[in-house]
Amino acid sequence: MSKYFSWALVVAAVAVIVTTIYSVVEVLLQFDLIPIYTQILWIAVITCIISLIIVLVIEKNKKRKENEDDFSKY
């Protein structure tokens, strides 16, 4: 159950971050500070970086838990 809860938190966090980035870019577009084609590029790049960080943190936590399980056997 906690596994699904943690994944739900990850999905919610990514959704909030992407929405925030989109809102900031939308404000910049209203003032013609950036062209329209860079909006899609920036959102894609930032989303990929955030997703990569989240995956790395999850994998690190999995390895830490596996190591703790190995030590608990002794």
N, C-alpha and C. Protein backbone atom coordinates (compact mmCIF):
# COMPACT_ATOMS: atom_id res chain seq x y z
N MET A 1 0.82 -1.20 0.00
CA MET A 1 0.00 0.00 0.00
C MET A 1 0.86 1.26 0.00
N SER A 2 1.93 1.24 0.79
CA SER A 2 2.78 2.43 0.87
C SER A 2 3.52 2.66 -0.45
N LYS A 3 3.76 1.56 -1.20
CA LYS A 3 4.44 1.71 -2.49
C LYS A 3 3.57 2.54 -3.44
N TYR A 4 2.29 2.24 -3.48
CA TYR A 4 1.39 2.99 -4.36
C TYR A 4 1.24 4.43 -3.89
N PHE A 5 1.25 4.63 -2.57
CA PHE A 5 1.14 5.98 -2.03
C PHE A 5 2.36 6.81 -2.41
N SER A 6 3.55 6.21 -2.34
CA SER A 6 4.76 6.95 -2.70
C SER A 6 4.77 7.27 -4.19
N TRP A 7 4.33 6.35 -5.02
CA TRP A 7 4.26 6.63 -6.46
C TRP A 7 3.23 7.72 -6.75
N ALA A 8 2.13 7.73 -6.01
CA ALA A 8 1.12 8.78 -6.19
C ALA A 8 1.70 10.14 -5.82
N LEU A 9 2.52 10.18 -4.76
CA LEU A 9 3.17 11.43 -4.38
C LEU A 9 4.14 11.89 -5.45
N VAL A 10 4.88 10.95 -6.05
CA VAL A 10 5.83 11.29 -7.11
C VAL A 10 5.08 11.87 -8.31
N VAL A 11 4.01 11.23 -8.71
CA VAL A 11 3.22 11.70 -9.85
C VAL A 11 2.63 13.08 -9.56
N ALA A 12 2.13 13.27 -8.36
CA ALA A 12 1.56 14.57 -7.99
C ALA A 12 2.63 15.65 -7.98
N ALA A 13 3.82 15.32 -7.47
CA ALA A 13 4.91 16.30 -7.44
C ALA A 13 5.33 16.70 -8.85
N VAL A 14 5.46 15.72 -9.73
CA VAL A 14 5.84 16.02 -11.12
C VAL A 14 4.76 16.87 -11.78
N ALA A 15 3.50 16.55 -11.54
CA ALA A 15 2.40 17.32 -12.13
C ALA A 15 2.42 18.77 -11.64
N VAL A 16 2.67 18.97 -10.36
CA VAL A 16 2.72 20.33 -9.81
C VAL A 16 3.89 21.10 -10.40
N ILE A 17 5.05 20.45 -10.51
CA ILE A 17 6.24 21.11 -11.05
C ILE A 17 6.04 21.48 -12.51
N VAL A 18 5.50 20.56 -13.29
CA VAL A 18 5.28 20.83 -14.72
C VAL A 18 4.26 21.95 -14.89
N THR A 19 3.21 21.94 -14.08
CA THR A 19 2.20 23.00 -14.16
C THR A 19 2.80 24.36 -13.80
N THR A 20 3.66 24.38 -12.78
CA THR A 20 4.32 25.62 -12.39
C THR A 20 5.21 26.14 -13.51
N ILE A 21 5.99 25.24 -14.10
CA ILE A 21 6.88 25.63 -15.20
C ILE A 21 6.06 26.16 -16.37
N TYR A 22 4.97 25.47 -16.68
CA TYR A 22 4.12 25.90 -17.78
C TYR A 22 3.54 27.29 -17.51
N SER A 23 3.13 27.55 -16.27
CA SER A 23 2.58 28.86 -15.93
C SER A 23 3.62 29.96 -16.07
N VAL A 24 4.84 29.69 -15.61
CA VAL A 24 5.92 30.68 -15.72
C VAL A 24 6.21 30.96 -17.19
N VAL A 25 6.30 29.91 -17.99
CA VAL A 25 6.58 30.09 -19.41
C VAL A 25 5.44 30.84 -20.09
N GLU A 26 4.21 30.56 -19.67
CA GLU A 26 3.05 31.25 -20.24
C GLU A 26 3.10 32.75 -19.94
N VAL A 27 3.51 33.11 -18.74
CA VAL A 27 3.66 34.53 -18.38
C VAL A 27 4.74 35.17 -19.23
N LEU A 28 5.86 34.46 -19.42
CA LEU A 28 6.94 34.99 -20.25
C LEU A 28 6.48 35.17 -21.69
N LEU A 29 5.64 34.26 -22.17
CA LEU A 29 5.13 34.37 -23.54
C LEU A 29 4.22 35.59 -23.70
N GLN A 30 3.47 35.92 -22.65
CA GLN A 30 2.58 37.08 -22.74
C GLN A 30 3.36 38.37 -22.95
N PHE A 31 4.56 38.42 -22.41
CA PHE A 31 5.38 39.61 -22.56
C PHE A 31 6.40 39.48 -23.69
N ASP A 32 6.24 38.44 -24.51
CA ASP A 32 7.12 38.18 -25.66
C ASP A 32 8.60 38.12 -25.25
N LEU A 33 8.86 37.49 -24.11
CA LEU A 33 10.25 37.37 -23.65
C LEU A 33 10.93 36.14 -24.25
N ILE A 34 10.12 35.15 -24.62
CA ILE A 34 10.69 33.97 -25.28
C ILE A 34 9.79 33.58 -26.44
N PRO A 35 10.36 33.03 -27.50
CA PRO A 35 9.53 32.58 -28.62
C PRO A 35 8.70 31.34 -28.26
N ILE A 36 7.69 31.07 -29.06
CA ILE A 36 6.75 29.98 -28.76
C ILE A 36 7.41 28.61 -28.85
N TYR A 37 8.34 28.42 -29.79
CA TYR A 37 8.91 27.08 -29.96
C TYR A 37 9.80 26.68 -28.80
N THR A 38 10.35 27.64 -28.08
CA THR A 38 11.20 27.28 -26.94
C THR A 38 10.37 26.85 -25.74
N GLN A 39 9.10 27.21 -25.72
CA GLN A 39 8.23 26.79 -24.62
C GLN A 39 8.19 25.26 -24.53
N ILE A 40 7.93 24.62 -25.64
CA ILE A 40 7.84 23.16 -25.66
C ILE A 40 9.19 22.55 -25.31
N LEU A 41 10.25 23.10 -25.84
CA LEU A 41 11.59 22.58 -25.57
C LEU A 41 11.95 22.67 -24.09
N TRP A 42 11.71 23.81 -23.48
CA TRP A 42 12.06 23.98 -22.06
C TRP A 42 11.24 23.07 -21.17
N ILE A 43 9.95 22.97 -21.43
CA ILE A 43 9.11 22.09 -20.61
C ILE A 43 9.57 20.65 -20.74
N ALA A 44 9.91 20.22 -21.96
CA ALA A 44 10.38 18.84 -22.15
C ALA A 44 11.70 18.60 -21.43
N VAL A 45 12.63 19.52 -21.54
CA VAL A 45 13.95 19.34 -20.91
C VAL A 45 13.83 19.31 -19.39
N ILE A 46 13.10 20.26 -18.83
CA ILE A 46 12.98 20.33 -17.37
C ILE A 46 12.22 19.12 -16.83
N THR A 47 11.19 18.67 -17.54
CA THR A 47 10.46 17.49 -17.11
C THR A 47 11.34 16.25 -17.14
N CYS A 48 12.17 16.12 -18.17
CA CYS A 48 13.09 14.98 -18.24
C CYS A 48 14.10 15.01 -17.09
N ILE A 49 14.63 16.17 -16.79
CA ILE A 49 15.60 16.28 -15.70
C ILE A 49 14.95 15.93 -14.36
N ILE A 50 13.75 16.45 -14.12
CA ILE A 50 13.06 16.15 -12.87
C ILE A 50 12.73 14.67 -12.77
N SER A 51 12.27 14.07 -13.87
CA SER A 51 11.96 12.64 -13.87
C SER A 51 13.21 11.81 -13.60
N LEU A 52 14.33 12.20 -14.20
CA LEU A 52 15.58 11.48 -13.98
C LEU A 52 16.00 11.55 -12.51
N ILE A 53 15.89 12.72 -11.91
CA ILE A 53 16.25 12.87 -10.49
C ILE A 53 15.35 12.00 -9.62
N ILE A 54 14.05 11.99 -9.91
CA ILE A 54 13.11 11.19 -9.12
C ILE A 54 13.44 9.71 -9.25
N VAL A 55 13.73 9.25 -10.47
CA VAL A 55 14.06 7.83 -10.68
C VAL A 55 15.35 7.48 -9.94
N LEU A 56 16.35 8.36 -10.01
CA LEU A 56 17.61 8.09 -9.30
C LEU A 56 17.39 8.01 -7.79
N VAL A 57 16.57 8.88 -7.24
CA VAL A 57 16.29 8.84 -5.80
C VAL A 57 15.57 7.55 -5.43
N ILE A 58 14.60 7.13 -6.24
CA ILE A 58 13.87 5.90 -5.96
C ILE A 58 14.82 4.70 -6.02
N GLU A 59 15.69 4.64 -7.03
CA GLU A 59 16.64 3.53 -7.14
C GLU A 59 17.61 3.52 -5.96
N LYS A 60 18.06 4.68 -5.54
CA LYS A 60 18.97 4.76 -4.40
C LYS A 60 18.29 4.25 -3.14
N ASN A 61 17.02 4.61 -2.95
CA ASN A 61 16.27 4.13 -1.79
C ASN A 61 16.06 2.63 -1.84
N LYS A 62 15.84 2.08 -3.05
CA LYS A 62 15.69 0.63 -3.19
C LYS A 62 16.98 -0.07 -2.78
N LYS A 63 18.12 0.43 -3.26
CA LYS A 63 19.40 -0.20 -2.92
C LYS A 63 19.66 -0.10 -1.43
N ARG A 64 19.34 1.04 -0.83
CA ARG A 64 19.54 1.20 0.61
C ARG A 64 18.68 0.21 1.38
N LYS A 65 17.43 0.02 0.93
CA LYS A 65 16.55 -0.93 1.61
C LYS A 65 17.06 -2.35 1.44
N GLU A 66 17.57 -2.69 0.25
CA GLU A 66 18.13 -4.02 0.04
C GLU A 66 19.33 -4.25 0.94
N ASN A 67 20.18 -3.24 1.09
CA ASN A 67 21.34 -3.38 1.97
C ASN A 67 20.91 -3.55 3.42
N GLU A 68 19.89 -2.82 3.84
CA GLU A 68 19.38 -2.98 5.20
C GLU A 68 18.81 -4.37 5.40
N ASP A 69 18.14 -4.91 4.39
CA ASP A 69 17.60 -6.27 4.49
C ASP A 69 18.72 -7.29 4.58
N ASP A 70 19.80 -7.07 3.84
CA ASP A 70 20.94 -7.99 3.90
C ASP A 70 21.57 -7.99 5.29
N PHE A 71 21.68 -6.83 5.90
CA PHE A 71 22.28 -6.75 7.23
C PHE A 71 21.36 -7.34 8.29
N SER A 72 20.07 -7.27 8.07
CA SER A 72 19.14 -7.78 9.08
C SER A 72 19.14 -9.31 9.12
N LYS A 73 19.68 -9.96 8.09
CA LYS A 73 19.73 -11.43 8.09
C LYS A 73 20.75 -11.95 9.09
N TYR A 74 21.75 -11.17 9.40
CA TYR A 74 22.84 -11.64 10.27
C TYR A 74 22.54 -11.41 11.73
